[in-house]
Amino acid sequence: MNDSSRTALVTGVTGYIGGSLVRPLLDAGWDVRALTRSAAKLDRRPWRDEIDVVEGDATKSDDLDRALQGVDVAYYLVHSMDAQGDFERRDAELAEDFAAAAERAGVSRLVYLGGLHPDVPDDELSPHLRSRVEVGEIFLESDVPAACLQAGIVLGAGSASFQMLASLTERLPVMIAPKWLRNRIQPIGIDDAVYYLVHAADLPSDVNRTFDIGGADVLTYTEMIQRYAHIAGLRERVIAPVPVFTPDLASHWVGLVTPIDAGLARPLVGSLVHEVICKEHDIAEYVPDPPDGLIGFDEAVEEALADPTS
């Protein structure tokens, strides 16, 4: 990827994933443009002067058209992470508008990061996870080839799901917790997630599908808590899972015992009600594993704890 004339648009750039994606895209030779409601929020980013910033609102067609003009690949990293009841409709409308604008602009590829989920009926998924599935389907049905990457917990200093894990572990040496702590999860380190996002831009034009992406380890949430505690130099945690915690109750529990707002905790907890592990690794047919292999849980946690922003 050495053709510096190619342009990638990154939405959600003020978020953790979007912000982490910019430097690797620049290093890979892309011209990077960001769409954000507030350009001032990017002023302290080290790459600010190396990118083109379009200040605008993703809900407005004119702003989308300006941002997507001349773009080759568009990264859609926008999610509603709030407790407002209409978020599913809002997410679907945003995705439909974005796909339509990408078609008008002649964008060559859409790249979307959604969530790992089990093969169950949509009504058995949490509303937030169901919404992410729907957004992916909207992109796959558009006229622009889409790569919809599906990941579980992202391990990195600025990841909300990682912050929830860290806070629960550090604040509760003894906990009575939801039974979903026994579910298997395949987390992915932030570096690996970004690696796949960058390389998804170069998938063949006839590739229009979802890809599961995950790290080297499959663990239960309980195992992640204990391994985090060991890495952080804490004593082994005492955990007693109980069946009475509904997702809503569990999200309020998380909100009470951690700095995570209950509204944000709800989608995080909802994504853990089912086991979230990769069902395939088909992306390896197009993108080789990272040169040093996929990052394991322990290494990803060590890197996150060493991050000065953590």
C-alpha atoms as a PDB file:
ATOM      1  CA  MET A   1       0.000   0.000   0.000  1.00  0.00           C
ATOM      2  CA  ASN A   2       2.398   2.662  -1.219  1.00  0.00           C
ATOM      3  CA  ASP A   3       0.091   4.748  -3.426  1.00  0.00           C
ATOM      4  CA  SER A   4      -0.236   7.949  -1.440  1.00  0.00           C
ATOM      5  CA  SER A   5      -2.983   9.177  -3.768  1.00  0.00           C
ATOM      6  CA  ARG A   6      -5.521   6.867  -2.127  1.00  0.00           C
ATOM      7  CA  THR A   7      -7.747   8.397   0.516  1.00  0.00           C
ATOM      8  CA  ALA A   8      -9.360   6.708   3.495  1.00  0.00           C
ATOM      9  CA  LEU A   9     -12.163   8.357   5.449  1.00  0.00           C
ATOM     10  CA  VAL A  10     -12.334   7.496   9.147  1.00  0.00           C
ATOM     11  CA  THR A  11     -15.546   8.168  11.051  1.00  0.00           C
ATOM     12  CA  GLY A  12     -15.664   7.833  14.824  1.00  0.00           C
ATOM     13  CA  VAL A  13     -12.138   9.252  14.925  1.00  0.00           C
ATOM     14  CA  THR A  14     -12.607  10.763  18.392  1.00  0.00           C
ATOM     15  CA  GLY A  15     -13.310   7.259  19.715  1.00  0.00           C
ATOM     16  CA  TYR A  16     -10.711   4.721  20.772  1.00  0.00           C
ATOM     17  CA  ILE A  17     -10.756   2.459  17.702  1.00  0.00           C
ATOM     18  CA  GLY A  18     -11.001   5.294  15.195  1.00  0.00           C
ATOM     19  CA  GLY A  19      -8.241   7.260  16.878  1.00  0.00           C
ATOM     20  CA  SER A  20      -6.016   4.173  16.996  1.00  0.00           C
ATOM     21  CA  LEU A  21      -6.537   3.538  13.281  1.00  0.00           C
ATOM     22  CA  VAL A  22      -5.224   6.855  11.947  1.00  0.00           C
ATOM     23  CA  ARG A  23      -1.465   6.397  12.470  1.00  0.00           C
ATOM     24  CA  PRO A  24      -1.343   2.854  10.998  1.00  0.00           C
ATOM     25  CA  LEU A  25      -3.261   4.072   7.933  1.00  0.00           C
ATOM     26  CA  LEU A  26      -0.806   6.948   7.479  1.00  0.00           C
ATOM     27  CA  ASP A  27       2.126   4.556   7.898  1.00  0.00           C
ATOM     28  CA  ALA A  28       0.577   2.300   5.254  1.00  0.00           C
ATOM     29  CA  GLY A  29       0.630   5.136   2.736  1.00  0.00           C
ATOM     30  CA  TRP A  30      -2.964   6.340   2.888  1.00  0.00           C
ATOM     31  CA  ASP A  31      -4.101   9.927   2.813  1.00  0.00           C
ATOM     32  CA  VAL A  32      -6.470  10.094   5.795  1.00  0.00           C
ATOM     33  CA  ARG A  33      -9.563  12.232   6.167  1.00  0.00           C
ATOM     34  CA  ALA A  34     -11.636  12.368   9.339  1.00  0.00           C
ATOM     35  CA  LEU A  35     -15.287  13.298   9.726  1.00  0.00           C
ATOM     36  CA  THR A  36     -16.038  14.702  13.158  1.00  0.00           C
ATOM     37  CA  ARG A  37     -18.552  17.044  14.734  1.00  0.00           C
ATOM     38  CA  SER A  38     -15.786  18.877  16.569  1.00  0.00           C
ATOM     39  CA  ALA A  39     -12.415  19.371  14.892  1.00  0.00           C
ATOM     40  CA  ALA A  40     -11.118  20.918  18.122  1.00  0.00           C
ATOM     41  CA  LYS A  41     -11.281  17.523  19.820  1.00  0.00           C
ATOM     42  CA  LEU A  42      -8.464  16.360  17.548  1.00  0.00           C
ATOM     43  CA  ASP A  43      -6.121  19.282  18.253  1.00  0.00           C
ATOM     44  CA  ARG A  44      -3.927  17.348  20.685  1.00  0.00           C
ATOM     45  CA  ARG A  45      -3.621  14.211  18.579  1.00  0.00           C
ATOM     46  CA  PRO A  46      -0.022  13.761  17.339  1.00  0.00           C
ATOM     47  CA  TRP A  47      -1.221  13.097  13.779  1.00  0.00           C
ATOM     48  CA  ARG A  48      -3.582  16.085  13.596  1.00  0.00           C
ATOM     49  CA  ASP A  49      -1.494  18.038  11.090  1.00  0.00           C
ATOM     50  CA  GLU A  50      -1.073  14.996   8.854  1.00  0.00           C
ATOM     51  CA  ILE A  51      -4.748  14.454   8.075  1.00  0.00           C
ATOM     52  CA  ASP A  52      -7.613  16.300   6.444  1.00  0.00           C
ATOM     53  CA  VAL A  53     -10.447  17.043   8.858  1.00  0.00           C
ATOM     54  CA  VAL A  54     -14.020  17.632   7.729  1.00  0.00           C
ATOM     55  CA  GLU A  55     -16.148  19.107  10.480  1.00  0.00           C
ATOM     56  CA  GLY A  56     -19.668  17.857  10.015  1.00  0.00           C
ATOM     57  CA  ASP A  57     -22.520  15.685  11.184  1.00  0.00           C
ATOM     58  CA  ALA A  58     -22.961  12.117   9.947  1.00  0.00           C
ATOM     59  CA  THR A  59     -26.732  12.619  10.078  1.00  0.00           C
ATOM     60  CA  LYS A  60     -26.586  15.294   7.357  1.00  0.00           C
ATOM     61  CA  SER A  61     -26.332  14.291   3.695  1.00  0.00           C
ATOM     62  CA  ASP A  62     -24.432  17.425   2.670  1.00  0.00           C
ATOM     63  CA  ASP A  63     -21.753  16.773   5.300  1.00  0.00           C
ATOM     64  CA  LEU A  64     -21.453  13.136   4.242  1.00  0.00           C
ATOM     65  CA  ASP A  65     -21.088  14.162   0.599  1.00  0.00           C
ATOM     66  CA  ARG A  66     -18.305  16.618   1.488  1.00  0.00           C
ATOM     67  CA  ALA A  67     -16.482  14.065   3.617  1.00  0.00           C
ATOM     68  CA  LEU A  68     -16.748  11.244   1.060  1.00  0.00           C
ATOM     69  CA  GLN A  69     -15.745  13.235  -2.016  1.00  0.00           C
ATOM     70  CA  GLY A  70     -12.698  11.577  -3.590  1.00  0.00           C
ATOM     71  CA  VAL A  71     -12.573   8.825  -0.951  1.00  0.00           C
ATOM     72  CA  ASP A  72     -11.477   5.310  -1.924  1.00  0.00           C
ATOM     73  CA  VAL A  73     -12.209   3.481   1.342  1.00  0.00           C
ATOM     74  CA  ALA A  74     -14.595   4.599   4.091  1.00  0.00           C
ATOM     75  CA  TYR A  75     -14.335   3.276   7.654  1.00  0.00           C
ATOM     76  CA  TYR A  76     -17.620   3.285   9.538  1.00  0.00           C
ATOM     77  CA  LEU A  77     -16.850   3.226  13.262  1.00  0.00           C
ATOM     78  CA  VAL A  78     -19.992   4.911  14.568  1.00  0.00           C
ATOM     79  CA  HIS A  79     -22.176   3.231  17.218  1.00  0.00           C
ATOM     80  CA  SER A  80     -24.889   4.433  19.539  1.00  0.00           C
ATOM     81  CA  MET A  81     -23.705   3.590  23.044  1.00  0.00           C
ATOM     82  CA  ASP A  82     -26.482   5.138  25.076  1.00  0.00           C
ATOM     83  CA  ALA A  83     -29.670   4.142  26.848  1.00  0.00           C
ATOM     84  CA  GLN A  84     -32.101   6.021  24.615  1.00  0.00           C
ATOM     85  CA  GLY A  85     -34.803   3.695  23.377  1.00  0.00           C
ATOM     86  CA  ASP A  86     -34.630   4.627  19.706  1.00  0.00           C
ATOM     87  CA  PHE A  87     -30.959   3.800  19.158  1.00  0.00           C
ATOM     88  CA  GLU A  88     -31.683   0.828  16.874  1.00  0.00           C
ATOM     89  CA  ARG A  89     -33.670   3.005  14.489  1.00  0.00           C
ATOM     90  CA  ARG A  90     -31.048   5.746  14.660  1.00  0.00           C
ATOM     91  CA  ASP A  91     -28.211   3.311  13.945  1.00  0.00           C
ATOM     92  CA  ALA A  92     -30.053   1.841  10.963  1.00  0.00           C
ATOM     93  CA  GLU A  93     -30.874   5.255   9.511  1.00  0.00           C
ATOM     94  CA  LEU A  94     -27.287   6.463   9.946  1.00  0.00           C
ATOM     95  CA  ALA A  95     -25.942   3.358   8.213  1.00  0.00           C
ATOM     96  CA  GLU A  96     -28.431   3.660   5.350  1.00  0.00           C
ATOM     97  CA  ASP A  97     -27.532   7.318   4.823  1.00  0.00           C
ATOM     98  CA  PHE A  98     -23.815   6.567   4.948  1.00  0.00           C
ATOM     99  CA  ALA A  99     -24.109   3.702   2.451  1.00  0.00           C
ATOM    100  CA  ALA A 100     -26.145   5.882   0.082  1.00  0.00           C
ATOM    101  CA  ALA A 101     -23.602   8.698   0.326  1.00  0.00           C
ATOM    102  CA  ALA A 102     -20.753   6.249  -0.317  1.00  0.00           C
ATOM    103  CA  GLU A 103     -22.571   5.046  -3.448  1.00  0.00           C
ATOM    104  CA  ARG A 104     -23.025   8.640  -4.668  1.00  0.00           C
ATOM    105  CA  ALA A 105     -19.342   9.379  -4.093  1.00  0.00           C
ATOM    106  CA  GLY A 106     -18.121   6.274  -5.908  1.00  0.00           C
ATOM    107  CA  VAL A 107     -16.352   4.846  -2.845  1.00  0.00           C
ATOM    108  CA  SER A 108     -14.629   1.543  -3.635  1.00  0.00           C
ATOM    109  CA  ARG A 109     -15.051  -0.138  -0.249  1.00  0.00           C
ATOM    110  CA  LEU A 110     -16.758   0.196   3.105  1.00  0.00           C
ATOM    111  CA  VAL A 111     -15.104  -1.217   6.224  1.00  0.00           C
ATOM    112  CA  TYR A 112     -17.222  -1.658   9.352  1.00  0.00           C
ATOM    113  CA  LEU A 113     -16.351  -2.994  12.800  1.00  0.00           C
ATOM    114  CA  GLY A 114     -19.283  -4.804  14.404  1.00  0.00           C
ATOM    115  CA  GLY A 115     -19.599  -7.365  17.175  1.00  0.00           C
ATOM    116  CA  LEU A 116     -19.041 -11.097  17.420  1.00  0.00           C
ATOM    117  CA  HIS A 117     -22.324 -12.883  18.065  1.00  0.00           C
ATOM    118  CA  PRO A 118     -23.647 -16.437  18.216  1.00  0.00           C
ATOM    119  CA  ASP A 119     -25.896 -18.008  15.589  1.00  0.00           C
ATOM    120  CA  VAL A 120     -29.185 -17.385  17.360  1.00  0.00           C
ATOM    121  CA  PRO A 121     -32.404 -15.652  16.260  1.00  0.00           C
ATOM    122  CA  ASP A 122     -32.120 -11.879  16.267  1.00  0.00           C
ATOM    123  CA  ASP A 123     -34.654 -11.557  19.078  1.00  0.00           C
ATOM    124  CA  GLU A 124     -32.302 -13.509  21.368  1.00  0.00           C
ATOM    125  CA  LEU A 125     -29.467 -11.022  20.891  1.00  0.00           C
ATOM    126  CA  SER A 126     -29.124  -7.946  23.052  1.00  0.00           C
ATOM    127  CA  PRO A 127     -30.581  -4.830  21.386  1.00  0.00           C
ATOM    128  CA  HIS A 128     -27.151  -3.257  20.902  1.00  0.00           C
ATOM    129  CA  LEU A 129     -25.635  -6.408  19.412  1.00  0.00           C
ATOM    130  CA  ARG A 130     -28.714  -6.887  17.223  1.00  0.00           C
ATOM    131  CA  SER A 131     -28.291  -3.318  16.018  1.00  0.00           C
ATOM    132  CA  ARG A 132     -24.692  -3.934  15.041  1.00  0.00           C
ATOM    133  CA  VAL A 133     -25.729  -6.993  13.062  1.00  0.00           C
ATOM    134  CA  GLU A 134     -28.355  -4.910  11.267  1.00  0.00           C
ATOM    135  CA  VAL A 135     -25.853  -2.189  10.404  1.00  0.00           C
ATOM    136  CA  GLY A 136     -23.553  -4.790   8.879  1.00  0.00           C
ATOM    137  CA  GLU A 137     -26.411  -6.182   6.816  1.00  0.00           C
ATOM    138  CA  ILE A 138     -27.237  -2.700   5.523  1.00  0.00           C
ATOM    139  CA  PHE A 139     -23.687  -2.275   4.262  1.00  0.00           C
ATOM    140  CA  LEU A 140     -23.560  -5.747   2.720  1.00  0.00           C
ATOM    141  CA  GLU A 141     -26.766  -5.008   0.814  1.00  0.00           C
ATOM    142  CA  SER A 142     -25.470  -1.701  -0.566  1.00  0.00           C
ATOM    143  CA  ASP A 143     -23.831  -1.268  -3.969  1.00  0.00           C
ATOM    144  CA  VAL A 144     -20.420  -0.648  -2.363  1.00  0.00           C
ATOM    145  CA  PRO A 145     -18.403  -3.775  -1.457  1.00  0.00           C
ATOM    146  CA  ALA A 146     -18.246  -4.060   2.323  1.00  0.00           C
ATOM    147  CA  ALA A 147     -15.952  -5.804   4.767  1.00  0.00           C
ATOM    148  CA  CYS A 148     -17.791  -6.177   8.067  1.00  0.00           C
ATOM    149  CA  LEU A 149     -15.297  -7.256  10.705  1.00  0.00           C
ATOM    150  CA  GLN A 150     -16.819  -8.751  13.847  1.00  0.00           C
ATOM    151  CA  ALA A 151     -14.874  -8.547  17.109  1.00  0.00           C
ATOM    152  CA  GLY A 152     -15.571  -9.238  20.761  1.00  0.00           C
ATOM    153  CA  ILE A 153     -13.821  -7.473  23.635  1.00  0.00           C
ATOM    154  CA  VAL A 154     -11.038  -5.193  22.395  1.00  0.00           C
ATOM    155  CA  LEU A 155      -8.102  -5.155  24.809  1.00  0.00           C
ATOM    156  CA  GLY A 156      -6.560  -1.710  24.961  1.00  0.00           C
ATOM    157  CA  ALA A 157      -6.186   1.177  27.370  1.00  0.00           C
ATOM    158  CA  GLY A 158      -9.018   3.234  25.879  1.00  0.00           C
ATOM    159  CA  SER A 159     -11.469   0.416  25.244  1.00  0.00           C
ATOM    160  CA  ALA A 160     -14.662   0.645  27.304  1.00  0.00           C
ATOM    161  CA  SER A 161     -14.925  -3.142  27.558  1.00  0.00           C
ATOM    162  CA  PHE A 162     -11.331  -3.335  28.800  1.00  0.00           C
ATOM    163  CA  GLN A 163     -11.962  -0.541  31.292  1.00  0.00           C
ATOM    164  CA  MET A 164     -14.956  -2.467  32.628  1.00  0.00           C
ATOM    165  CA  LEU A 165     -12.841  -5.600  33.077  1.00  0.00           C
ATOM    166  CA  ALA A 166     -10.087  -3.628  34.787  1.00  0.00           C
ATOM    167  CA  SER A 167     -12.445  -1.766  37.111  1.00  0.00           C
ATOM    168  CA  LEU A 168     -14.334  -4.879  38.198  1.00  0.00           C
ATOM    169  CA  THR A 169     -11.087  -6.692  38.931  1.00  0.00           C
ATOM    170  CA  GLU A 170      -9.389  -3.860  40.788  1.00  0.00           C
ATOM    171  CA  ARG A 171     -12.400  -2.763  42.868  1.00  0.00           C
ATOM    172  CA  LEU A 172     -13.869  -6.122  43.883  1.00  0.00           C
ATOM    173  CA  PRO A 173     -11.575  -8.683  45.547  1.00  0.00           C
ATOM    174  CA  VAL A 174     -14.768 -10.598  46.336  1.00  0.00           C
ATOM    175  CA  MET A 175     -17.775 -10.463  44.048  1.00  0.00           C
ATOM    176  CA  ILE A 176     -21.187 -12.032  43.609  1.00  0.00           C
ATOM    177  CA  ALA A 177     -21.525 -11.755  39.879  1.00  0.00           C
ATOM    178  CA  PRO A 178     -23.718 -12.635  36.880  1.00  0.00           C
ATOM    179  CA  LYS A 179     -23.564 -16.153  35.489  1.00  0.00           C
ATOM    180  CA  TRP A 180     -22.269 -14.814  32.163  1.00  0.00           C
ATOM    181  CA  LEU A 181     -18.844 -14.710  33.789  1.00  0.00           C
ATOM    182  CA  ARG A 182     -18.684 -18.399  32.807  1.00  0.00           C
ATOM    183  CA  ASN A 183     -19.242 -17.713  29.086  1.00  0.00           C
ATOM    184  CA  ARG A 184     -16.321 -18.143  26.718  1.00  0.00           C
ATOM    185  CA  ILE A 185     -14.979 -15.025  25.052  1.00  0.00           C
ATOM    186  CA  GLN A 186     -12.328 -14.473  22.389  1.00  0.00           C
ATOM    187  CA  PRO A 187     -10.907 -11.002  23.011  1.00  0.00           C
ATOM    188  CA  ILE A 188      -8.614  -9.248  20.553  1.00  0.00           C
ATOM    189  CA  GLY A 189      -5.746  -6.866  21.234  1.00  0.00           C
ATOM    190  CA  ILE A 190      -6.117  -3.356  19.860  1.00  0.00           C
ATOM    191  CA  ASP A 191      -3.043  -3.774  17.639  1.00  0.00           C
ATOM    192  CA  ASP A 192      -4.507  -6.885  16.000  1.00  0.00           C
ATOM    193  CA  ALA A 193      -7.909  -5.265  15.532  1.00  0.00           C
ATOM    194  CA  VAL A 194      -6.306  -2.268  13.831  1.00  0.00           C
ATOM    195  CA  TYR A 195      -4.085  -4.561  11.730  1.00  0.00           C
ATOM    196  CA  TYR A 196      -7.153  -6.256  10.244  1.00  0.00           C
ATOM    197  CA  LEU A 197      -8.966  -2.956   9.762  1.00  0.00           C
ATOM    198  CA  VAL A 198      -6.053  -1.497   7.794  1.00  0.00           C
ATOM    199  CA  HIS A 199      -5.681  -4.580   5.590  1.00  0.00           C
ATOM    200  CA  ALA A 200      -9.421  -4.845   4.985  1.00  0.00           C
ATOM    201  CA  ALA A 201      -9.075  -1.783   2.764  1.00  0.00           C
ATOM    202  CA  ASP A 202      -7.166  -3.880   0.215  1.00  0.00           C
ATOM    203  CA  LEU A 203      -9.535  -6.826  -0.051  1.00  0.00           C
ATOM    204  CA  PRO A 204     -10.458  -7.797  -3.632  1.00  0.00           C
ATOM    205  CA  SER A 205     -13.390  -5.850  -5.028  1.00  0.00           C
ATOM    206  CA  ASP A 206     -15.588  -8.961  -5.229  1.00  0.00           C
ATOM    207  CA  VAL A 207     -15.344  -9.592  -1.455  1.00  0.00           C
ATOM    208  CA  ASN A 208     -18.539  -8.493   0.271  1.00  0.00           C
ATOM    209  CA  ARG A 209     -19.009 -10.319   3.558  1.00  0.00           C
ATOM    210  CA  THR A 210     -18.473 -10.528   7.302  1.00  0.00           C
ATOM    211  CA  PHE A 211     -15.246 -11.753   8.896  1.00  0.00           C
ATOM    212  CA  ASP A 212     -14.832 -12.859  12.512  1.00  0.00           C
ATOM    213  CA  ILE A 213     -11.644 -11.554  14.100  1.00  0.00           C
ATOM    214  CA  GLY A 214     -10.280 -12.576  17.489  1.00  0.00           C
ATOM    215  CA  GLY A 215      -7.064 -12.931  19.429  1.00  0.00           C
ATOM    216  CA  ALA A 216      -4.982 -15.955  20.323  1.00  0.00           C
ATOM    217  CA  ASP A 217      -6.882 -16.963  23.484  1.00  0.00           C
ATOM    218  CA  VAL A 218     -10.411 -18.125  24.295  1.00  0.00           C
ATOM    219  CA  LEU A 219     -11.239 -17.509  27.963  1.00  0.00           C
ATOM    220  CA  THR A 220     -14.193 -17.155  30.265  1.00  0.00           C
ATOM    221  CA  TYR A 221     -14.755 -13.728  31.784  1.00  0.00           C
ATOM    222  CA  THR A 222     -13.820 -15.243  35.145  1.00  0.00           C
ATOM    223  CA  GLU A 223     -10.503 -16.412  33.714  1.00  0.00           C
ATOM    224  CA  MET A 224      -9.883 -12.954  32.301  1.00  0.00           C
ATOM    225  CA  ILE A 225     -10.515 -11.403  35.712  1.00  0.00           C
ATOM    226  CA  GLN A 226      -8.062 -13.776  37.401  1.00  0.00           C
ATOM    227  CA  ARG A 227      -5.391 -13.332  34.743  1.00  0.00           C
ATOM    228  CA  TYR A 228      -5.788  -9.559  34.834  1.00  0.00           C
ATOM    229  CA  ALA A 229      -5.423  -9.668  38.632  1.00  0.00           C
ATOM    230  CA  HIS A 230      -2.217 -11.694  38.337  1.00  0.00           C
ATOM    231  CA  ILE A 231      -0.710  -9.347  35.738  1.00  0.00           C
ATOM    232  CA  ALA A 232      -1.687  -6.277  37.789  1.00  0.00           C
ATOM    233  CA  GLY A 233      -0.101  -7.756  40.926  1.00  0.00           C
ATOM    234  CA  LEU A 234      -3.398  -8.313  42.740  1.00  0.00           C
ATOM    235  CA  ARG A 235      -4.505 -11.265  44.817  1.00  0.00           C
ATOM    236  CA  GLU A 236      -6.689 -13.933  43.258  1.00  0.00           C
ATOM    237  CA  ARG A 237     -10.289 -12.752  43.162  1.00  0.00           C
ATOM    238  CA  VAL A 238     -13.130 -14.647  44.839  1.00  0.00           C
ATOM    239  CA  ILE A 239     -16.022 -14.909  42.408  1.00  0.00           C
ATOM    240  CA  ALA A 240     -19.431 -16.464  43.031  1.00  0.00           C
ATOM    241  CA  PRO A 241     -21.611 -16.426  39.890  1.00  0.00           C
ATOM    242  CA  VAL A 242     -25.356 -16.399  40.551  1.00  0.00           C
ATOM    243  CA  PRO A 243     -28.249 -16.817  38.089  1.00  0.00           C
ATOM    244  CA  VAL A 244     -30.411 -13.933  39.317  1.00  0.00           C
ATOM    245  CA  PHE A 245     -28.570 -11.149  37.479  1.00  0.00           C
ATOM    246  CA  THR A 246     -30.556 -10.108  34.416  1.00  0.00           C
ATOM    247  CA  PRO A 247     -28.611  -8.018  31.859  1.00  0.00           C
ATOM    248  CA  ASP A 248     -30.369  -4.847  33.076  1.00  0.00           C
ATOM    249  CA  LEU A 249     -29.596  -5.642  36.707  1.00  0.00           C
ATOM    250  CA  ALA A 250     -26.019  -6.560  35.816  1.00  0.00           C
ATOM    251  CA  SER A 251     -25.523  -3.269  33.965  1.00  0.00           C
ATOM    252  CA  HIS A 252     -26.721  -1.330  37.022  1.00  0.00           C
ATOM    253  CA  TRP A 253     -24.366  -3.428  39.173  1.00  0.00           C
ATOM    254  CA  VAL A 254     -21.460  -2.576  36.896  1.00  0.00           C
ATOM    255  CA  GLY A 255     -22.481   1.085  37.019  1.00  0.00           C
ATOM    256  CA  LEU A 256     -22.502   1.044  40.818  1.00  0.00           C
ATOM    257  CA  VAL A 257     -19.147  -0.654  41.404  1.00  0.00           C
ATOM    258  CA  THR A 258     -17.124   0.834  38.521  1.00  0.00           C
ATOM    259  CA  PRO A 259     -16.729   4.269  36.901  1.00  0.00           C
ATOM    260  CA  ILE A 260     -18.603   2.899  33.850  1.00  0.00           C
ATOM    261  CA  ASP A 261     -21.940   4.679  33.382  1.00  0.00           C
ATOM    262  CA  ALA A 262     -24.908   2.297  33.588  1.00  0.00           C
ATOM    263  CA  GLY A 263     -26.054   3.436  30.144  1.00  0.00           C
ATOM    264  CA  LEU A 264     -22.700   2.416  28.663  1.00  0.00           C
ATOM    265  CA  ALA A 265     -22.549  -0.736  30.785  1.00  0.00           C
ATOM    266  CA  ARG A 266     -25.820  -1.990  29.283  1.00  0.00           C
ATOM    267  CA  PRO A 267     -24.428  -2.645  25.765  1.00  0.00           C
ATOM    268  CA  LEU A 268     -21.177  -3.974  27.217  1.00  0.00           C
ATOM    269  CA  VAL A 269     -23.008  -6.472  29.416  1.00  0.00           C
ATOM    270  CA  GLY A 270     -25.440  -7.327  26.638  1.00  0.00           C
ATOM    271  CA  SER A 271     -22.584  -8.434  24.411  1.00  0.00           C
ATOM    272  CA  LEU A 272     -21.460 -10.943  27.058  1.00  0.00           C
ATOM    273  CA  VAL A 273     -24.757 -12.718  27.679  1.00  0.00           C
ATOM    274  CA  HIS A 274     -23.849 -15.229  24.956  1.00  0.00           C
ATOM    275  CA  GLU A 275     -20.502 -16.837  24.214  1.00  0.00           C
ATOM    276  CA  VAL A 276     -18.621 -14.639  21.753  1.00  0.00           C
ATOM    277  CA  ILE A 277     -15.975 -16.641  19.944  1.00  0.00           C
ATOM    278  CA  CYS A 278     -14.927 -16.709  16.303  1.00  0.00           C
ATOM    279  CA  LYS A 279     -16.807 -19.191  14.150  1.00  0.00           C
ATOM    280  CA  GLU A 280     -14.328 -18.837  11.302  1.00  0.00           C
ATOM    281  CA  HIS A 281     -10.942 -17.350  10.474  1.00  0.00           C
ATOM    282  CA  ASP A 282     -11.613 -16.833   6.784  1.00  0.00           C
ATOM    283  CA  ILE A 283      -9.888 -13.481   6.746  1.00  0.00           C
ATOM    284  CA  ALA A 284      -6.613 -15.450   6.663  1.00  0.00           C
ATOM    285  CA  GLU A 285      -7.451 -16.329   3.040  1.00  0.00           C
ATOM    286  CA  TYR A 286      -6.878 -12.661   2.176  1.00  0.00           C
ATOM    287  CA  VAL A 287      -4.855 -11.206   5.043  1.00  0.00           C
ATOM    288  CA  PRO A 288      -2.058 -13.199   6.693  1.00  0.00           C
ATOM    289  CA  ASP A 289      -1.893 -13.230  10.477  1.00  0.00           C
ATOM    290  CA  PRO A 290       0.245 -10.434  11.943  1.00  0.00           C
ATOM    291  CA  PRO A 291       3.983 -11.100  11.429  1.00  0.00           C
ATOM    292  CA  ASP A 292       4.542 -11.925  15.102  1.00  0.00           C
ATOM    293  CA  GLY A 293       1.298 -13.885  15.418  1.00  0.00           C
ATOM    294  CA  LEU A 294      -1.920 -12.903  17.131  1.00  0.00           C
ATOM    295  CA  ILE A 295      -1.482 -11.233  20.501  1.00  0.00           C
ATOM    296  CA  GLY A 296      -2.462 -13.283  23.548  1.00  0.00           C
ATOM    297  CA  PHE A 297      -4.554 -11.992  26.427  1.00  0.00           C
ATOM    298  CA  ASP A 298      -1.649 -11.551  28.854  1.00  0.00           C
ATOM    299  CA  GLU A 299       0.483  -9.581  26.406  1.00  0.00           C
ATOM    300  CA  ALA A 300      -2.444  -7.355  25.420  1.00  0.00           C
ATOM    301  CA  VAL A 301      -3.199  -6.575  29.087  1.00  0.00           C
ATOM    302  CA  GLU A 302       0.465  -5.851  29.808  1.00  0.00           C
ATOM    303  CA  GLU A 303       0.561  -3.433  26.872  1.00  0.00           C
ATOM    304  CA  ALA A 304      -2.673  -1.758  27.967  1.00  0.00           C
ATOM    305  CA  LEU A 305      -1.434  -1.283  31.536  1.00  0.00           C
ATOM    306  CA  ALA A 306       1.836   0.152  30.257  1.00  0.00           C
ATOM    307  CA  ASP A 307      -0.021   2.661  28.069  1.00  0.00           C
ATOM    308  CA  PRO A 308       0.342   6.120  29.670  1.00  0.00           C
ATOM    309  CA  THR A 309      -3.306   6.857  28.857  1.00  0.00           C
ATOM    310  CA  SER A 310      -4.556   3.891  30.938  1.00  0.00           C
END
